[in-house]
PDB file of all heavy atoms in Angstrom:
ATOM      1  N   HIS A   1      97.856 152.924 153.577  1.00  0.00           N
ATOM      2  CA  HIS A   1      98.067 151.552 153.126  1.00  0.00           C
ATOM      3  C   HIS A   1      97.619 151.338 151.687  1.00  0.00           C
ATOM      4  O   HIS A   1      98.248 150.586 150.935  1.00  0.00           O
ATOM      5  CB  HIS A   1      97.333 150.581 154.051  1.00  0.00           C
ATOM      6  CG  HIS A   1      97.889 150.561 155.446  1.00  0.00           C
ATOM      7  ND1 HIS A   1      97.199 150.076 156.519  1.00  0.00           N
ATOM      8  CD2 HIS A   1      99.084 150.968 155.946  1.00  0.00           C
ATOM      9  CE1 HIS A   1      97.928 150.185 157.615  1.00  0.00           C
ATOM     10  NE2 HIS A   1      99.076 150.725 157.288  1.00  0.00           N
ATOM     11  N   ARG A   2      96.541 151.983 151.294  1.00  0.00           N
ATOM     12  CA  ARG A   2      96.024 151.786 149.937  1.00  0.00           C
ATOM     13  C   ARG A   2      96.998 152.316 148.890  1.00  0.00           C
ATOM     14  O   ARG A   2      97.012 151.827 147.758  1.00  0.00           O
ATOM     15  CB  ARG A   2      94.668 152.485 149.789  1.00  0.00           C
ATOM     16  CG  ARG A   2      93.553 151.855 150.611  1.00  0.00           C
ATOM     17  CD  ARG A   2      92.346 152.755 150.667  1.00  0.00           C
ATOM     18  NE  ARG A   2      92.665 154.016 151.342  1.00  0.00           N
ATOM     19  CZ  ARG A   2      91.779 154.993 151.507  1.00  0.00           C
ATOM     20  NH1 ARG A   2      90.563 154.875 151.040  1.00  0.00           N
ATOM     21  NH2 ARG A   2      92.139 156.102 152.138  1.00  0.00           N
ATOM     22  N   ASN A   3      97.786 153.310 149.249  1.00  0.00           N
ATOM     23  CA  ASN A   3      98.763 153.870 148.313  1.00  0.00           C
ATOM     24  C   ASN A   3     100.010 153.015 148.201  1.00  0.00           C
ATOM     25  O   ASN A   3     100.722 153.077 147.193  1.00  0.00           O
ATOM     26  CB  ASN A   3      99.196 155.272 148.759  1.00  0.00           C
ATOM     27  CG  ASN A   3      98.045 156.238 148.921  1.00  0.00           C
ATOM     28  OD1 ASN A   3      98.033 157.045 149.823  1.00  0.00           O
ATOM     29  ND2 ASN A   3      97.042 156.143 148.043  1.00  0.00           N
ATOM     30  N   VAL A   4     100.301 152.255 149.244  1.00  0.00           N
ATOM     31  CA  VAL A   4     101.606 151.611 149.334  1.00  0.00           C
ATOM     32  C   VAL A   4     101.565 150.124 148.987  1.00  0.00           C
ATOM     33  O   VAL A   4     102.404 149.635 148.235  1.00  0.00           O
ATOM     34  CB  VAL A   4     102.203 151.796 150.744  1.00  0.00           C
ATOM     35  CG1 VAL A   4     103.532 151.080 150.876  1.00  0.00           C
ATOM     36  CG2 VAL A   4     102.370 153.282 151.028  1.00  0.00           C
ATOM     37  N   PHE A   5     100.633 149.387 149.527  1.00  0.00           N
ATOM     38  CA  PHE A   5     100.641 147.952 149.252  1.00  0.00           C
ATOM     39  C   PHE A   5      99.228 147.380 149.265  1.00  0.00           C
ATOM     40  O   PHE A   5      98.293 147.995 149.778  1.00  0.00           O
ATOM     41  CB  PHE A   5     101.527 147.197 150.236  1.00  0.00           C
ATOM     42  CG  PHE A   5     101.122 147.356 151.688  1.00  0.00           C
ATOM     43  CD1 PHE A   5     100.165 146.547 152.262  1.00  0.00           C
ATOM     44  CD2 PHE A   5     101.731 148.318 152.479  1.00  0.00           C
ATOM     45  CE1 PHE A   5      99.809 146.685 153.587  1.00  0.00           C
ATOM     46  CE2 PHE A   5     101.391 148.467 153.815  1.00  0.00           C
ATOM     47  CZ  PHE A   5     100.420 147.648 154.372  1.00  0.00           C
ATOM     48  N   SER A   6      99.107 146.208 148.683  1.00  0.00           N
ATOM     49  CA  SER A   6      97.840 145.482 148.682  1.00  0.00           C
ATOM     50  C   SER A   6      98.165 144.003 148.795  1.00  0.00           C
ATOM     51  O   SER A   6      99.295 143.581 148.514  1.00  0.00           O
ATOM     52  CB  SER A   6      97.060 145.768 147.391  1.00  0.00           C
ATOM     53  OG  SER A   6      97.801 145.327 146.257  1.00  0.00           O
ATOM     54  N   PRO A   7      97.202 143.195 149.232  1.00  0.00           N
ATOM     55  CA  PRO A   7      97.460 141.751 149.336  1.00  0.00           C
ATOM     56  C   PRO A   7      97.914 141.185 148.005  1.00  0.00           C
ATOM     57  O   PRO A   7      97.406 141.561 146.944  1.00  0.00           O
ATOM     58  CB  PRO A   7      96.098 141.189 149.754  1.00  0.00           C
ATOM     59  CG  PRO A   7      95.405 142.325 150.432  1.00  0.00           C
ATOM     60  CD  PRO A   7      95.848 143.557 149.707  1.00  0.00           C
ATOM     61  N   ALA A   8      98.879 140.300 148.074  1.00  0.00           N
ATOM     62  CA  ALA A   8      99.401 139.663 146.856  1.00  0.00           C
ATOM     63  C   ALA A   8      98.441 138.561 146.437  1.00  0.00           C
ATOM     64  O   ALA A   8      98.692 137.370 146.631  1.00  0.00           O
ATOM     65  CB  ALA A   8     100.802 139.122 147.098  1.00  0.00           C
ATOM     66  N   ILE A   9      97.309 138.982 145.835  1.00  0.00           N
ATOM     67  CA  ILE A   9      96.248 138.040 145.494  1.00  0.00           C
ATOM     68  C   ILE A   9      96.748 136.990 144.503  1.00  0.00           C
ATOM     69  O   ILE A   9      96.440 135.803 144.614  1.00  0.00           O
ATOM     70  CB  ILE A   9      95.033 138.791 144.912  1.00  0.00           C
ATOM     71  CG1 ILE A   9      94.445 139.723 145.979  1.00  0.00           C
ATOM     72  CG2 ILE A   9      93.974 137.818 144.409  1.00  0.00           C
ATOM     73  CD1 ILE A   9      93.319 140.600 145.480  1.00  0.00           C
ATOM     74  N   GLY A  10      97.537 137.430 143.543  1.00  0.00           N
ATOM     75  CA  GLY A  10      98.079 136.480 142.573  1.00  0.00           C
ATOM     76  C   GLY A  10      98.909 135.401 143.241  1.00  0.00           C
ATOM     77  O   GLY A  10      98.808 134.212 142.908  1.00  0.00           O
ATOM     78  N   GLU A  11      99.738 135.817 144.208  1.00  0.00           N
ATOM     79  CA  GLU A  11     100.541 134.839 144.941  1.00  0.00           C
ATOM     80  C   GLU A  11      99.641 133.900 145.744  1.00  0.00           C
ATOM     81  O   GLU A  11      99.905 132.706 145.850  1.00  0.00           O
ATOM     82  CB  GLU A  11     101.504 135.563 145.880  1.00  0.00           C
ATOM     83  CG  GLU A  11     102.633 136.277 145.190  1.00  0.00           C
ATOM     84  CD  GLU A  11     103.641 135.322 144.573  1.00  0.00           C
ATOM     85  OE1 GLU A  11     103.977 134.322 145.229  1.00  0.00           O
ATOM     86  OE2 GLU A  11     104.077 135.579 143.442  1.00  0.00           O
ATOM     87  N   GLY A  12      98.573 134.467 146.314  1.00  0.00           N
ATOM     88  CA  GLY A  12      97.656 133.633 147.089  1.00  0.00           C
ATOM     89  C   GLY A  12      96.967 132.588 146.241  1.00  0.00           C
ATOM     90  O   GLY A  12      96.833 131.424 146.651  1.00  0.00           O
ATOM     91  N   LEU A  13      96.526 132.993 145.034  1.00  0.00           N
ATOM     92  CA  LEU A  13      95.869 132.043 144.140  1.00  0.00           C
ATOM     93  C   LEU A  13      96.837 130.945 143.696  1.00  0.00           C
ATOM     94  O   LEU A  13      96.461 129.762 143.609  1.00  0.00           O
ATOM     95  CB  LEU A  13      95.314 132.781 142.924  1.00  0.00           C
ATOM     96  CG  LEU A  13      94.148 133.746 143.201  1.00  0.00           C
ATOM     97  CD1 LEU A  13      93.778 134.500 141.940  1.00  0.00           C
ATOM     98  CD2 LEU A  13      92.947 132.981 143.745  1.00  0.00           C
ATOM     99  N   LYS A  14      98.083 131.342 143.415  1.00  0.00           N
ATOM    100  CA  LYS A  14      99.078 130.334 143.038  1.00  0.00           C
ATOM    101  C   LYS A  14      99.320 129.361 144.179  1.00  0.00           C
ATOM    102  O   LYS A  14      99.491 128.162 143.964  1.00  0.00           O
ATOM    103  CB  LYS A  14     100.394 131.013 142.639  1.00  0.00           C
ATOM    104  CG  LYS A  14     100.357 131.662 141.276  1.00  0.00           C
ATOM    105  CD  LYS A  14     101.746 132.047 140.792  1.00  0.00           C
ATOM    106  CE  LYS A  14     102.333 133.148 141.637  1.00  0.00           C
ATOM    107  NZ  LYS A  14     103.642 133.612 141.106  1.00  0.00           N
ATOM    108  N   THR A  15      99.317 129.881 145.425  1.00  0.00           N
ATOM    109  CA  THR A  15      99.528 129.031 146.584  1.00  0.00           C
ATOM    110  C   THR A  15      98.399 128.009 146.720  1.00  0.00           C
ATOM    111  O   THR A  15      98.633 126.820 146.954  1.00  0.00           O
ATOM    112  CB  THR A  15      99.623 129.877 147.865  1.00  0.00           C
ATOM    113  OG1 THR A  15     100.781 130.705 147.780  1.00  0.00           O
ATOM    114  CG2 THR A  15      99.725 128.991 149.099  1.00  0.00           C
ATOM    115  N   VAL A  16      97.161 128.488 146.576  1.00  0.00           N
ATOM    116  CA  VAL A  16      96.017 127.583 146.670  1.00  0.00           C
ATOM    117  C   VAL A  16      96.105 126.499 145.606  1.00  0.00           C
ATOM    118  O   VAL A  16      95.882 125.312 145.880  1.00  0.00           O
ATOM    119  CB  VAL A  16      94.693 128.373 146.524  1.00  0.00           C
ATOM    120  CG1 VAL A  16      93.510 127.419 146.412  1.00  0.00           C
ATOM    121  CG2 VAL A  16      94.501 129.308 147.708  1.00  0.00           C
ATOM    122  N   TRP A  17      96.460 126.893 144.386  1.00  0.00           N
ATOM    123  CA  TRP A  17      96.567 125.933 143.286  1.00  0.00           C
ATOM    124  C   TRP A  17      97.674 124.917 143.550  1.00  0.00           C
ATOM    125  O   TRP A  17      97.480 123.709 143.377  1.00  0.00           O
ATOM    126  CB  TRP A  17      96.818 126.680 141.985  1.00  0.00           C
ATOM    127  CG  TRP A  17      97.184 125.807 140.810  1.00  0.00           C
ATOM    128  CD1 TRP A  17      98.374 125.758 140.167  1.00  0.00           C
ATOM    129  CD2 TRP A  17      96.345 124.850 140.154  1.00  0.00           C
ATOM    130  NE1 TRP A  17      98.360 124.841 139.156  1.00  0.00           N
ATOM    131  CE2 TRP A  17      97.107 124.264 139.123  1.00  0.00           C
ATOM    132  CE3 TRP A  17      95.029 124.437 140.346  1.00  0.00           C
ATOM    133  CZ2 TRP A  17      96.587 123.290 138.280  1.00  0.00           C
ATOM    134  CZ3 TRP A  17      94.512 123.455 139.495  1.00  0.00           C
ATOM    135  CH2 TRP A  17      95.289 122.902 138.478  1.00  0.00           C
ATOM    136  N   ARG A  18      98.810 125.394 143.995  1.00  0.00           N
ATOM    137  CA  ARG A  18      99.933 124.488 144.233  1.00  0.00           C
ATOM    138  C   ARG A  18      99.663 123.546 145.400  1.00  0.00           C
ATOM    139  O   ARG A  18      99.993 122.361 145.348  1.00  0.00           O
ATOM    140  CB  ARG A  18     101.200 125.297 144.505  1.00  0.00           C
ATOM    141  CG  ARG A  18     101.731 126.037 143.293  1.00  0.00           C
ATOM    142  CD  ARG A  18     102.796 127.042 143.694  1.00  0.00           C
ATOM    143  NE  ARG A  18     103.338 127.769 142.565  1.00  0.00           N
ATOM    144  CZ  ARG A  18     104.115 128.834 142.666  1.00  0.00           C
ATOM    145  NH1 ARG A  18     104.437 129.305 143.872  1.00  0.00           N
ATOM    146  NH2 ARG A  18     104.579 129.435 141.599  1.00  0.00           N
ATOM    147  N   VAL A  19      99.061 124.096 146.478  1.00  0.00           N
ATOM    148  CA  VAL A  19      98.751 123.260 147.638  1.00  0.00           C
ATOM    149  C   VAL A  19      97.741 122.184 147.253  1.00  0.00           C
ATOM    150  O   VAL A  19      97.854 121.021 147.671  1.00  0.00           O
ATOM    151  CB  VAL A  19      98.205 124.120 148.799  1.00  0.00           C
ATOM    152  CG1 VAL A  19      97.601 123.232 149.889  1.00  0.00           C
ATOM    153  CG2 VAL A  19      99.316 124.979 149.385  1.00  0.00           C
ATOM    154  N   THR A  20      96.736 122.576 146.446  1.00  0.00           N
ATOM    155  CA  THR A  20      95.727 121.608 146.008  1.00  0.00           C
ATOM    156  C   THR A  20      96.375 120.469 145.236  1.00  0.00           C
ATOM    157  O   THR A  20      96.037 119.294 145.420  1.00  0.00           O
ATOM    158  CB  THR A  20      94.671 122.309 145.136  1.00  0.00           C
ATOM    159  OG1 THR A  20      94.060 123.358 145.889  1.00  0.00           O
ATOM    160  CG2 THR A  20      93.604 121.321 144.690  1.00  0.00           C
ATOM    161  N   ARG A  21      97.314 120.811 144.372  1.00  0.00           N
ATOM    162  CA  ARG A  21      97.987 119.789 143.577  1.00  0.00           C
ATOM    163  C   ARG A  21      98.888 118.901 144.421  1.00  0.00           C
ATOM    164  O   ARG A  21      99.044 117.710 144.138  1.00  0.00           O
ATOM    165  CB  ARG A  21      98.828 120.451 142.483  1.00  0.00           C
ATOM    166  CG  ARG A  21      98.023 121.143 141.410  1.00  0.00           C
ATOM    167  CD  ARG A  21      98.931 121.723 140.354  1.00  0.00           C
ATOM    168  NE  ARG A  21      99.782 120.710 139.749  1.00  0.00           N
ATOM    169  CZ  ARG A  21     100.828 120.969 138.969  1.00  0.00           C
ATOM    170  NH1 ARG A  21     101.153 122.227 138.729  1.00  0.00           N
ATOM    171  NH2 ARG A  21     101.549 119.992 138.456  1.00  0.00           N
ATOM    172  N   GLN A  22      99.495 119.482 145.463  1.00  0.00           N
ATOM    173  CA  GLN A  22     100.486 118.733 146.242  1.00  0.00           C
ATOM    174  C   GLN A  22      99.908 118.041 147.469  1.00  0.00           C
ATOM    175  O   GLN A  22     100.575 117.224 148.080  1.00  0.00           O
ATOM    176  CB  GLN A  22     101.606 119.677 146.699  1.00  0.00           C
ATOM    177  CG  GLN A  22     102.438 120.238 145.568  1.00  0.00           C
ATOM    178  CD  GLN A  22     103.623 121.046 146.083  1.00  0.00           C
ATOM    179  OE1 GLN A  22     104.041 120.881 147.217  1.00  0.00           O
ATOM    180  NE2 GLN A  22     104.151 121.912 145.240  1.00  0.00           N
ATOM    181  N   LEU A  23      98.661 118.386 147.829  1.00  0.00           N
ATOM    182  CA  LEU A  23      98.115 117.890 149.090  1.00  0.00           C
ATOM    183  C   LEU A  23      98.067 116.364 149.150  1.00  0.00           C
ATOM    184  O   LEU A  23      98.549 115.757 150.118  1.00  0.00           O
ATOM    185  CB  LEU A  23      96.713 118.469 149.304  1.00  0.00           C
ATOM    186  CG  LEU A  23      96.048 118.101 150.635  1.00  0.00           C
ATOM    187  CD1 LEU A  23      96.910 118.576 151.810  1.00  0.00           C
ATOM    188  CD2 LEU A  23      94.643 118.697 150.722  1.00  0.00           C
ATOM    189  N   VAL A  24      97.489 115.742 148.129  1.00  0.00           N
ATOM    190  CA  VAL A  24      97.352 114.278 148.143  1.00  0.00           C
ATOM    191  C   VAL A  24      98.717 113.597 148.134  1.00  0.00           C
ATOM    192  O   VAL A  24      98.983 112.705 148.963  1.00  0.00           O
ATOM    193  CB  VAL A  24      96.481 113.804 146.961  1.00  0.00           C
ATOM    194  CG1 VAL A  24      96.492 112.276 146.879  1.00  0.00           C
ATOM    195  CG2 VAL A  24      95.054 114.318 147.116  1.00  0.00           C
ATOM    196  N   PRO A  25      99.646 113.973 147.235  1.00  0.00           N
ATOM    197  CA  PRO A  25     100.980 113.344 147.274  1.00  0.00           C
ATOM    198  C   PRO A  25     101.690 113.519 148.616  1.00  0.00           C
ATOM    199  O   PRO A  25     102.360 112.604 149.097  1.00  0.00           O
ATOM    200  CB  PRO A  25     101.730 114.058 146.149  1.00  0.00           C
ATOM    201  CG  PRO A  25     100.674 114.525 145.215  1.00  0.00           C
ATOM    202  CD  PRO A  25      99.517 114.891 146.086  1.00  0.00           C
ATOM    203  N   LEU A  26     101.516 114.698 149.237  1.00  0.00           N
ATOM    204  CA  LEU A  26     102.170 114.941 150.528  1.00  0.00           C
ATOM    205  C   LEU A  26     101.573 114.061 151.622  1.00  0.00           C
ATOM    206  O   LEU A  26     102.290 113.534 152.478  1.00  0.00           O
ATOM    207  CB  LEU A  26     102.051 116.409 150.913  1.00  0.00           C
ATOM    208  CG  LEU A  26     102.999 117.378 150.204  1.00  0.00           C
ATOM    209  CD1 LEU A  26     102.676 118.822 150.579  1.00  0.00           C
ATOM    210  CD2 LEU A  26     104.458 117.083 150.554  1.00  0.00           C
ATOM    211  N   LEU A  27     100.255 113.924 151.617  1.00  0.00           N
ATOM    212  CA  LEU A  27      99.609 113.059 152.609  1.00  0.00           C
ATOM    213  C   LEU A  27     100.044 111.607 152.435  1.00  0.00           C
ATOM    214  O   LEU A  27     100.285 110.895 153.421  1.00  0.00           O
ATOM    215  CB  LEU A  27      98.094 113.181 152.497  1.00  0.00           C
ATOM    216  CG  LEU A  27      97.486 114.495 153.011  1.00  0.00           C
ATOM    217  CD1 LEU A  27      95.981 114.529 152.733  1.00  0.00           C
ATOM    218  CD2 LEU A  27      97.760 114.666 154.496  1.00  0.00           C
ATOM    219  N   LYS A  28     100.130 111.157 151.183  1.00  0.00           N
ATOM    220  CA  LYS A  28     100.603 109.791 150.927  1.00  0.00           C
ATOM    221  C   LYS A  28     102.033 109.610 151.428  1.00  0.00           C
ATOM    222  O   LYS A  28     102.371 108.584 152.025  1.00  0.00           O
ATOM    223  CB  LYS A  28     100.531 109.491 149.428  1.00  0.00           C
ATOM    224  CG  LYS A  28      99.115 109.314 148.901  1.00  0.00           C
ATOM    225  CD  LYS A  28      99.142 108.993 147.413  1.00  0.00           C
ATOM    226  CE  LYS A  28      97.740 108.769 146.878  1.00  0.00           C
ATOM    227  NZ  LYS A  28      97.755 108.461 145.404  1.00  0.00           N
ATOM    228  N   LEU A  29     102.860 110.634 151.198  1.00  0.00           N
ATOM    229  CA  LEU A  29     104.246 110.578 151.647  1.00  0.00           C
ATOM    230  C   LEU A  29     104.316 110.507 153.170  1.00  0.00           C
ATOM    231  O   LEU A  29     105.114 109.748 153.736  1.00  0.00           O
ATOM    232  CB  LEU A  29     105.003 111.806 151.130  1.00  0.00           C
ATOM    233  CG  LEU A  29     106.500 111.888 151.468  1.00  0.00           C
ATOM    234  CD1 LEU A  29     107.272 110.770 150.779  1.00  0.00           C
ATOM    235  CD2 LEU A  29     107.060 113.243 151.050  1.00  0.00           C
ATOM    236  N   TYR A  30     103.452 111.304 153.815  1.00  0.00           N
ATOM    237  CA  TYR A  30     103.446 111.327 155.282  1.00  0.00           C
ATOM    238  C   TYR A  30     103.000 109.980 155.850  1.00  0.00           C
ATOM    239  O   TYR A  30     103.590 109.467 156.820  1.00  0.00           O
ATOM    240  CB  TYR A  30     102.517 112.435 155.769  1.00  0.00           C
ATOM    241  CG  TYR A  30     102.465 112.557 157.278  1.00  0.00           C
ATOM    242  CD1 TYR A  30     103.536 113.097 157.977  1.00  0.00           C
ATOM    243  CD2 TYR A  30     101.355 112.124 157.994  1.00  0.00           C
ATOM    244  CE1 TYR A  30     103.501 113.215 159.366  1.00  0.00           C
ATOM    245  CE2 TYR A  30     101.307 112.232 159.371  1.00  0.00           C
ATOM    246  CZ  TYR A  30     102.383 112.775 160.049  1.00  0.00           C
ATOM    247  OH  TYR A  30     102.350 112.875 161.420  1.00  0.00           O
ATOM    248  N   VAL A  31     101.960 109.395 155.241  1.00  0.00           N
ATOM    249  CA  VAL A  31     101.476 108.086 155.711  1.00  0.00           C
ATOM    250  C   VAL A  31     102.542 107.022 155.504  1.00  0.00           C
ATOM    251  O   VAL A  31     102.777 106.165 156.373  1.00  0.00           O
ATOM    252  CB  VAL A  31     100.172 107.702 154.972  1.00  0.00           C
ATOM    253  CG1 VAL A  31      99.791 106.247 155.278  1.00  0.00           C
ATOM    254  CG2 VAL A  31      99.043 108.643 155.372  1.00  0.00           C
ATOM    255  N   ARG A  32     103.209 107.078 154.366  1.00  0.00           N
ATOM    256  CA  ARG A  32     104.229 106.077 154.055  1.00  0.00           C
ATOM    257  C   ARG A  32     105.410 106.149 155.016  1.00  0.00           C
ATOM    258  O   ARG A  32     106.042 105.143 155.338  1.00  0.00           O
ATOM    259  CB  ARG A  32     104.692 106.264 152.607  1.00  0.00           C
ATOM    260  CG  ARG A  32     105.588 105.122 152.119  1.00  0.00           C
ATOM    261  CD  ARG A  32     105.650 105.070 150.598  1.00  0.00           C
ATOM    262  NE  ARG A  32     106.110 106.313 150.009  1.00  0.00           N
ATOM    263  CZ  ARG A  32     105.356 107.096 149.258  1.00  0.00           C
ATOM    264  NH1 ARG A  32     104.091 106.776 149.019  1.00  0.00           N
ATOM    265  NH2 ARG A  32     105.853 108.201 148.747  1.00  0.00           N
ATOM    266  N   HIS A  33     105.703 107.380 155.483  1.00  0.00           N
ATOM    267  CA  HIS A  33     106.853 107.559 156.386  1.00  0.00           C
ATOM    268  C   HIS A  33     106.392 108.010 157.770  1.00  0.00           C
ATOM    269  O   HIS A  33     107.095 108.756 158.447  1.00  0.00           O
ATOM    270  CB  HIS A  33     107.807 108.593 155.799  1.00  0.00           C
ATOM    271  CG  HIS A  33     108.422 108.170 154.496  1.00  0.00           C
ATOM    272  ND1 HIS A  33     109.503 107.319 154.422  1.00  0.00           N
ATOM    273  CD2 HIS A  33     108.080 108.482 153.214  1.00  0.00           C
ATOM    274  CE1 HIS A  33     109.827 107.135 153.150  1.00  0.00           C
ATOM    275  NE2 HIS A  33     108.981 107.827 152.392  1.00  0.00           N
ATOM    276  N   TYR A  34     105.207 107.569 158.169  1.00  0.00           N
ATOM    277  CA  TYR A  34     104.664 107.965 159.465  1.00  0.00           C
ATOM    278  C   TYR A  34     105.632 107.584 160.590  1.00  0.00           C
ATOM    279  O   TYR A  34     106.149 106.465 160.634  1.00  0.00           O
ATOM    280  CB  TYR A  34     103.318 107.274 159.702  1.00  0.00           C
ATOM    281  CG  TYR A  34     102.663 107.680 161.008  1.00  0.00           C
ATOM    282  CD1 TYR A  34     102.056 108.917 161.129  1.00  0.00           C
ATOM    283  CD2 TYR A  34     102.696 106.823 162.105  1.00  0.00           C
ATOM    284  CE1 TYR A  34     101.465 109.308 162.323  1.00  0.00           C
ATOM    285  CE2 TYR A  34     102.106 107.208 163.312  1.00  0.00           C
ATOM    286  CZ  TYR A  34     101.497 108.453 163.407  1.00  0.00           C
ATOM    287  OH  TYR A  34     100.927 108.828 164.593  1.00  0.00           O
ATOM    288  N   GLY A  35     105.860 108.502 161.463  1.00  0.00           N
ATOM    289  CA  GLY A  35     106.800 108.258 162.563  1.00  0.00           C
ATOM    290  C   GLY A  35     108.205 108.744 162.251  1.00  0.00           C
ATOM    291  O   GLY A  35     109.018 108.915 163.154  1.00  0.00           O
ATOM    292  N   GLU A  36     108.474 108.947 160.966  1.00  0.00           N
ATOM    293  CA  GLU A  36     109.791 109.420 160.558  1.00  0.00           C
ATOM    294  C   GLU A  36     109.759 110.901 160.164  1.00  0.00           C
ATOM    295  O   GLU A  36     110.727 111.617 160.365  1.00  0.00           O
ATOM    296  CB  GLU A  36     110.304 108.596 159.365  1.00  0.00           C
ATOM    297  CG  GLU A  36     110.442 107.107 159.672  1.00  0.00           C
ATOM    298  CD  GLU A  36     110.847 106.320 158.432  1.00  0.00           C
ATOM    299  OE1 GLU A  36     111.237 106.967 157.433  1.00  0.00           O
ATOM    300  OE2 GLU A  36     110.766 105.089 158.464  1.00  0.00           O
TER     301      GLU A  36
END
């Protein structure tokens, strides 16, 4: 495994950053359209 692949750490960090930025807007969107 060490020769072939490794965790995509860069992708993971980008995911954490993007989720952090989008979390509040997404929650607001969900509350605004709750039930839908």
